[in-house]
Amino acid sequence: MISPSKTNRKLRKTGNYTYMLTLPKEWVKALKWRAKQMVTLELKDDHIVIKDVKSK
């Protein structure tokens, strides 16, 4: 079963300067991503866009 397109997650503090966020397994599988996937993070106004490094 695929997760809904929205979900709530907690930010977790992992160090003095770093936070971590988890993604639902179903989303990662749907995107055909894998462990150690390289992604690009882009801050746009008030949201974050996450993309596969290979996608254009």
PDB file of N, CA and C in Angstrom:
ATOM      1  N   MET A   1       0.836  -1.184   0.000  1.00  0.00           N
ATOM      2  CA  MET A   1       0.000   0.000   0.000  1.00  0.00           C
ATOM      3  C   MET A   1       0.883   1.251   0.000  1.00  0.00           C
ATOM      4  N   ILE A   2       0.603   2.190  -0.886  1.00  0.00           N
ATOM      5  CA  ILE A   2       1.372   3.426  -0.981  1.00  0.00           C
ATOM      6  C   ILE A   2       0.859   4.426   0.053  1.00  0.00           C
ATOM      7  N   SER A   3       1.795   5.107   0.711  1.00  0.00           N
ATOM      8  CA  SER A   3       1.440   6.142   1.685  1.00  0.00           C
ATOM      9  C   SER A   3       0.779   7.319   0.984  1.00  0.00           C
ATOM     10  N   PRO A   4       0.001   8.083   1.706  1.00  0.00           N
ATOM     11  CA  PRO A   4      -0.580   9.292   1.117  1.00  0.00           C
ATOM     12  C   PRO A   4       0.518  10.275   0.686  1.00  0.00           C
ATOM     13  N   SER A   5       0.157  11.262  -0.121  1.00  0.00           N
ATOM     14  CA  SER A   5       1.148  12.209  -0.619  1.00  0.00           C
ATOM     15  C   SER A   5       1.605  13.199   0.455  1.00  0.00           C
ATOM     16  N   LYS A   6       0.962  13.200   1.604  1.00  0.00           N
ATOM     17  CA  LYS A   6       1.378  14.042   2.728  1.00  0.00           C
ATOM     18  C   LYS A   6       1.551  13.173   3.963  1.00  0.00           C
ATOM     19  N   THR A   7       2.521  13.530   4.772  1.00  0.00           N
ATOM     20  CA  THR A   7       2.739  12.844   6.033  1.00  0.00           C
ATOM     21  C   THR A   7       3.423  13.806   7.000  1.00  0.00           C
ATOM     22  N   ASN A   8       3.261  13.594   8.274  1.00  0.00           N
ATOM     23  CA  ASN A   8       3.928  14.405   9.289  1.00  0.00           C
ATOM     24  C   ASN A   8       5.114  13.635   9.840  1.00  0.00           C
ATOM     25  N   ARG A   9       6.225  14.323   9.989  1.00  0.00           N
ATOM     26  CA  ARG A   9       7.445  13.729  10.531  1.00  0.00           C
ATOM     27  C   ARG A   9       8.071  14.694  11.521  1.00  0.00           C
ATOM     28  N   LYS A  10       8.822  14.168  12.480  1.00  0.00           N
ATOM     29  CA  LYS A  10       9.539  14.995  13.446  1.00  0.00           C
ATOM     30  C   LYS A  10      10.973  15.182  12.978  1.00  0.00           C
ATOM     31  N   LEU A  11      11.475  16.410  13.128  1.00  0.00           N
ATOM     32  CA  LEU A  11      12.898  16.654  12.910  1.00  0.00           C
ATOM     33  C   LEU A  11      13.640  16.147  14.138  1.00  0.00           C
ATOM     34  N   ARG A  12      14.723  15.450  13.913  1.00  0.00           N
ATOM     35  CA  ARG A  12      15.536  14.936  15.017  1.00  0.00           C
ATOM     36  C   ARG A  12      16.892  15.612  14.995  1.00  0.00           C
ATOM     37  N   LYS A  13      17.331  16.077  16.128  1.00  0.00           N
ATOM     38  CA  LYS A  13      18.637  16.708  16.238  1.00  0.00           C
ATOM     39  C   LYS A  13      19.695  15.628  16.374  1.00  0.00           C
ATOM     40  N   THR A  14      20.711  15.687  15.501  1.00  0.00           N
ATOM     41  CA  THR A  14      21.743  14.644  15.520  1.00  0.00           C
ATOM     42  C   THR A  14      23.107  15.178  15.924  1.00  0.00           C
ATOM     43  N   GLY A  15      23.220  16.454  16.110  1.00  0.00           N
ATOM     44  CA  GLY A  15      24.483  17.076  16.505  1.00  0.00           C
ATOM     45  C   GLY A  15      24.226  18.536  16.798  1.00  0.00           C
ATOM     46  N   ASN A  16      25.291  19.290  16.971  1.00  0.00           N
ATOM     47  CA  ASN A  16      25.137  20.713  17.267  1.00  0.00           C
ATOM     48  C   ASN A  16      24.599  21.508  16.077  1.00  0.00           C
ATOM     49  N   TYR A  17      24.864  21.029  14.856  1.00  0.00           N
ATOM     50  CA  TYR A  17      24.512  21.792  13.659  1.00  0.00           C
ATOM     51  C   TYR A  17      23.689  20.995  12.657  1.00  0.00           C
ATOM     52  N   THR A  18      23.226  19.802  13.018  1.00  0.00           N
ATOM     53  CA  THR A  18      22.582  18.913  12.053  1.00  0.00           C
ATOM     54  C   THR A  18      21.248  18.383  12.565  1.00  0.00           C
ATOM     55  N   TYR A  19      20.297  18.295  11.643  1.00  0.00           N
ATOM     56  CA  TYR A  19      19.003  17.687  11.924  1.00  0.00           C
ATOM     57  C   TYR A  19      18.764  16.583  10.911  1.00  0.00           C
ATOM     58  N   MET A  20      17.924  15.612  11.271  1.00  0.00           N
ATOM     59  CA  MET A  20      17.643  14.473  10.413  1.00  0.00           C
ATOM     60  C   MET A  20      16.135  14.338  10.256  1.00  0.00           C
ATOM     61  N   LEU A  21      15.733  13.898   9.070  1.00  0.00           N
ATOM     62  CA  LEU A  21      14.336  13.668   8.760  1.00  0.00           C
ATOM     63  C   LEU A  21      14.238  12.349   8.012  1.00  0.00           C
ATOM     64  N   THR A  22      13.280  11.517   8.355  1.00  0.00           N
ATOM     65  CA  THR A  22      13.123  10.239   7.657  1.00  0.00           C
ATOM     66  C   THR A  22      12.048  10.358   6.577  1.00  0.00           C
ATOM     67  N   LEU A  23      12.171   9.524   5.556  1.00  0.00           N
ATOM     68  CA  LEU A  23      11.194   9.456   4.475  1.00  0.00           C
ATOM     69  C   LEU A  23      10.466   8.125   4.550  1.00  0.00           C
ATOM     70  N   PRO A  24       9.188   8.089   4.214  1.00  0.00           N
ATOM     71  CA  PRO A  24       8.469   6.809   4.208  1.00  0.00           C
ATOM     72  C   PRO A  24       9.078   5.841   3.185  1.00  0.00           C
ATOM     73  N   LYS A  25       9.201   4.595   3.577  1.00  0.00           N
ATOM     74  CA  LYS A  25       9.786   3.571   2.715  1.00  0.00           C
ATOM     75  C   LYS A  25       9.054   3.480   1.373  1.00  0.00           C
ATOM     76  N   GLU A  26       7.728   3.604   1.404  1.00  0.00           N
ATOM     77  CA  GLU A  26       6.935   3.495   0.177  1.00  0.00           C
ATOM     78  C   GLU A  26       7.287   4.604  -0.813  1.00  0.00           C
ATOM     79  N   TRP A  27       7.582   5.802  -0.309  1.00  0.00           N
ATOM     80  CA  TRP A  27       7.959   6.908  -1.183  1.00  0.00           C
ATOM     81  C   TRP A  27       9.296   6.627  -1.849  1.00  0.00           C
ATOM     82  N   VAL A  28      10.247   6.144  -1.066  1.00  0.00           N
ATOM     83  CA  VAL A  28      11.582   5.841  -1.598  1.00  0.00           C
ATOM     84  C   VAL A  28      11.486   4.759  -2.660  1.00  0.00           C
ATOM     85  N   LYS A  29      10.690   3.731  -2.400  1.00  0.00           N
ATOM     86  CA  LYS A  29      10.499   2.660  -3.387  1.00  0.00           C
ATOM     87  C   LYS A  29       9.809   3.185  -4.637  1.00  0.00           C
ATOM     88  N   ALA A  30       8.805   4.041  -4.487  1.00  0.00           N
ATOM     89  CA  ALA A  30       8.077   4.591  -5.633  1.00  0.00           C
ATOM     90  C   ALA A  30       8.996   5.439  -6.520  1.00  0.00           C
ATOM     91  N   LEU A  31       9.963   6.110  -5.906  1.00  0.00           N
ATOM     92  CA  LEU A  31      10.919   6.930  -6.653  1.00  0.00           C
ATOM     93  C   LEU A  31      12.089   6.107  -7.196  1.00  0.00           C
ATOM     94  N   LYS A  32      12.120   4.830  -6.822  1.00  0.00           N
ATOM     95  CA  LYS A  32      13.201   3.913  -7.209  1.00  0.00           C
ATOM     96  C   LYS A  32      14.550   4.400  -6.686  1.00  0.00           C
ATOM     97  N   TRP A  33      14.517   4.977  -5.485  1.00  0.00           N
ATOM     98  CA  TRP A  33      15.738   5.381  -4.814  1.00  0.00           C
ATOM     99  C   TRP A  33      16.253   4.202  -4.010  1.00  0.00           C
ATOM    100  N   ARG A  34      17.455   4.324  -3.471  1.00  0.00           N
ATOM    101  CA  ARG A  34      18.069   3.236  -2.706  1.00  0.00           C
ATOM    102  C   ARG A  34      18.876   3.838  -1.546  1.00  0.00           C
ATOM    103  N   ALA A  35      19.394   2.985  -0.712  1.00  0.00           N
ATOM    104  CA  ALA A  35      20.241   3.449   0.385  1.00  0.00           C
ATOM    105  C   ALA A  35      21.448   4.178  -0.203  1.00  0.00           C
ATOM    106  N   LYS A  36      21.886   5.210   0.447  1.00  0.00           N
ATOM    107  CA  LYS A  36      23.024   6.043   0.035  1.00  0.00           C
ATOM    108  C   LYS A  36      22.756   6.820  -1.246  1.00  0.00           C
ATOM    109  N   GLN A  37      21.476   6.978  -1.595  1.00  0.00           N
ATOM    110  CA  GLN A  37      21.079   7.762  -2.774  1.00  0.00           C
ATOM    111  C   GLN A  37      21.580   9.198  -2.627  1.00  0.00           C
ATOM    112  N   MET A  38      22.188   9.729  -3.658  1.00  0.00           N
ATOM    113  CA  MET A  38      22.610  11.130  -3.644  1.00  0.00           C
ATOM    114  C   MET A  38      21.430  11.985  -4.087  1.00  0.00           C
ATOM    115  N   VAL A  39      21.085  12.965  -3.269  1.00  0.00           N
ATOM    116  CA  VAL A  39      19.980  13.865  -3.590  1.00  0.00           C
ATOM    117  C   VAL A  39      20.449  15.309  -3.459  1.00  0.00           C
ATOM    118  N   THR A  40      19.734  16.189  -4.109  1.00  0.00           N
ATOM    119  CA  THR A  40      19.980  17.621  -4.027  1.00  0.00           C
ATOM    120  C   THR A  40      18.863  18.236  -3.194  1.00  0.00           C
ATOM    121  N   LEU A  41      19.233  19.081  -2.253  1.00  0.00           N
ATOM    122  CA  LEU A  41      18.266  19.805  -1.434  1.00  0.00           C
ATOM    123  C   LEU A  41      18.287  21.265  -1.870  1.00  0.00           C
ATOM    124  N   GLU A  42      17.107  21.821  -2.104  1.00  0.00           N
ATOM    125  CA  GLU A  42      17.012  23.214  -2.526  1.00  0.00           C
ATOM    126  C   GLU A  42      15.987  23.933  -1.654  1.00  0.00           C
ATOM    127  N   LEU A  43      16.401  25.034  -1.067  1.00  0.00           N
ATOM    128  CA  LEU A  43      15.502  25.844  -0.257  1.00  0.00           C
ATOM    129  C   LEU A  43      14.810  26.838  -1.173  1.00  0.00           C
ATOM    130  N   LYS A  44      13.477  26.742  -1.255  1.00  0.00           N
ATOM    131  CA  LYS A  44      12.668  27.628  -2.098  1.00  0.00           C
ATOM    132  C   LYS A  44      11.625  28.285  -1.218  1.00  0.00           C
ATOM    133  N   ASP A  45      11.802  29.588  -1.008  1.00  0.00           N
ATOM    134  CA  ASP A  45      10.892  30.350  -0.160  1.00  0.00           C
ATOM    135  C   ASP A  45      10.728  29.662   1.191  1.00  0.00           C
ATOM    136  N   ASP A  46       9.550  29.081   1.453  1.00  0.00           N
ATOM    137  CA  ASP A  46       9.289  28.478   2.765  1.00  0.00           C
ATOM    138  C   ASP A  46       9.217  26.962   2.713  1.00  0.00           C
ATOM    139  N   HIS A  47       9.818  26.329   1.680  1.00  0.00           N
ATOM    140  CA  HIS A  47       9.797  24.872   1.607  1.00  0.00           C
ATOM    141  C   HIS A  47      11.116  24.335   1.049  1.00  0.00           C
ATOM    142  N   ILE A  48      11.304  23.035   1.155  1.00  0.00           N
ATOM    143  CA  ILE A  48      12.514  22.357   0.689  1.00  0.00           C
ATOM    144  C   ILE A  48      12.128  21.408  -0.439  1.00  0.00           C
ATOM    145  N   VAL A  49      12.889  21.426  -1.520  1.00  0.00           N
ATOM    146  CA  VAL A  49      12.688  20.518  -2.644  1.00  0.00           C
ATOM    147  C   VAL A  49      13.831  19.504  -2.614  1.00  0.00           C
ATOM    148  N   ILE A  50      13.488  18.213  -2.665  1.00  0.00           N
ATOM    149  CA  ILE A  50      14.482  17.140  -2.665  1.00  0.00           C
ATOM    150  C   ILE A  50      14.399  16.428  -4.006  1.00  0.00           C
ATOM    151  N   LYS A  51      15.533  16.342  -4.711  1.00  0.00           N
ATOM    152  CA  LYS A  51      15.567  15.701  -6.017  1.00  0.00           C
ATOM    153  C   LYS A  51      16.744  14.751  -6.122  1.00  0.00           C
ATOM    154  N   ASP A  52      16.573  13.729  -6.943  1.00  0.00           N
ATOM    155  CA  ASP A  52      17.675  12.842  -7.293  1.00  0.00           C
ATOM    156  C   ASP A  52      18.730  13.671  -8.004  1.00  0.00           C
ATOM    157  N   VAL A  53      19.989  13.488  -7.678  1.00  0.00           N
ATOM    158  CA  VAL A  53      21.073  14.240  -8.303  1.00  0.00           C
ATOM    159  C   VAL A  53      21.040  14.064  -9.817  1.00  0.00           C
ATOM    160  N   LYS A  54      20.662  12.892 -10.282  1.00  0.00           N
ATOM    161  CA  LYS A  54      20.653  12.599 -11.721  1.00  0.00           C
ATOM    162  C   LYS A  54      19.496  13.238 -12.459  1.00  0.00           C
ATOM    163  N   SER A  55      18.406  13.579 -11.771  1.00  0.00           N
ATOM    164  CA  SER A  55      17.235  14.163 -12.461  1.00  0.00           C
ATOM    165  C   SER A  55      17.521  15.609 -12.828  1.00  0.00           C
ATOM    166  N   LYS A  56      16.888  16.077 -13.878  1.00  0.00           N
ATOM    167  CA  LYS A  56      17.126  17.450 -14.354  1.00  0.00           C
ATOM    168  C   LYS A  56      15.933  18.319 -14.094  1.00  0.00           C
TER     169      LYS A  56
END
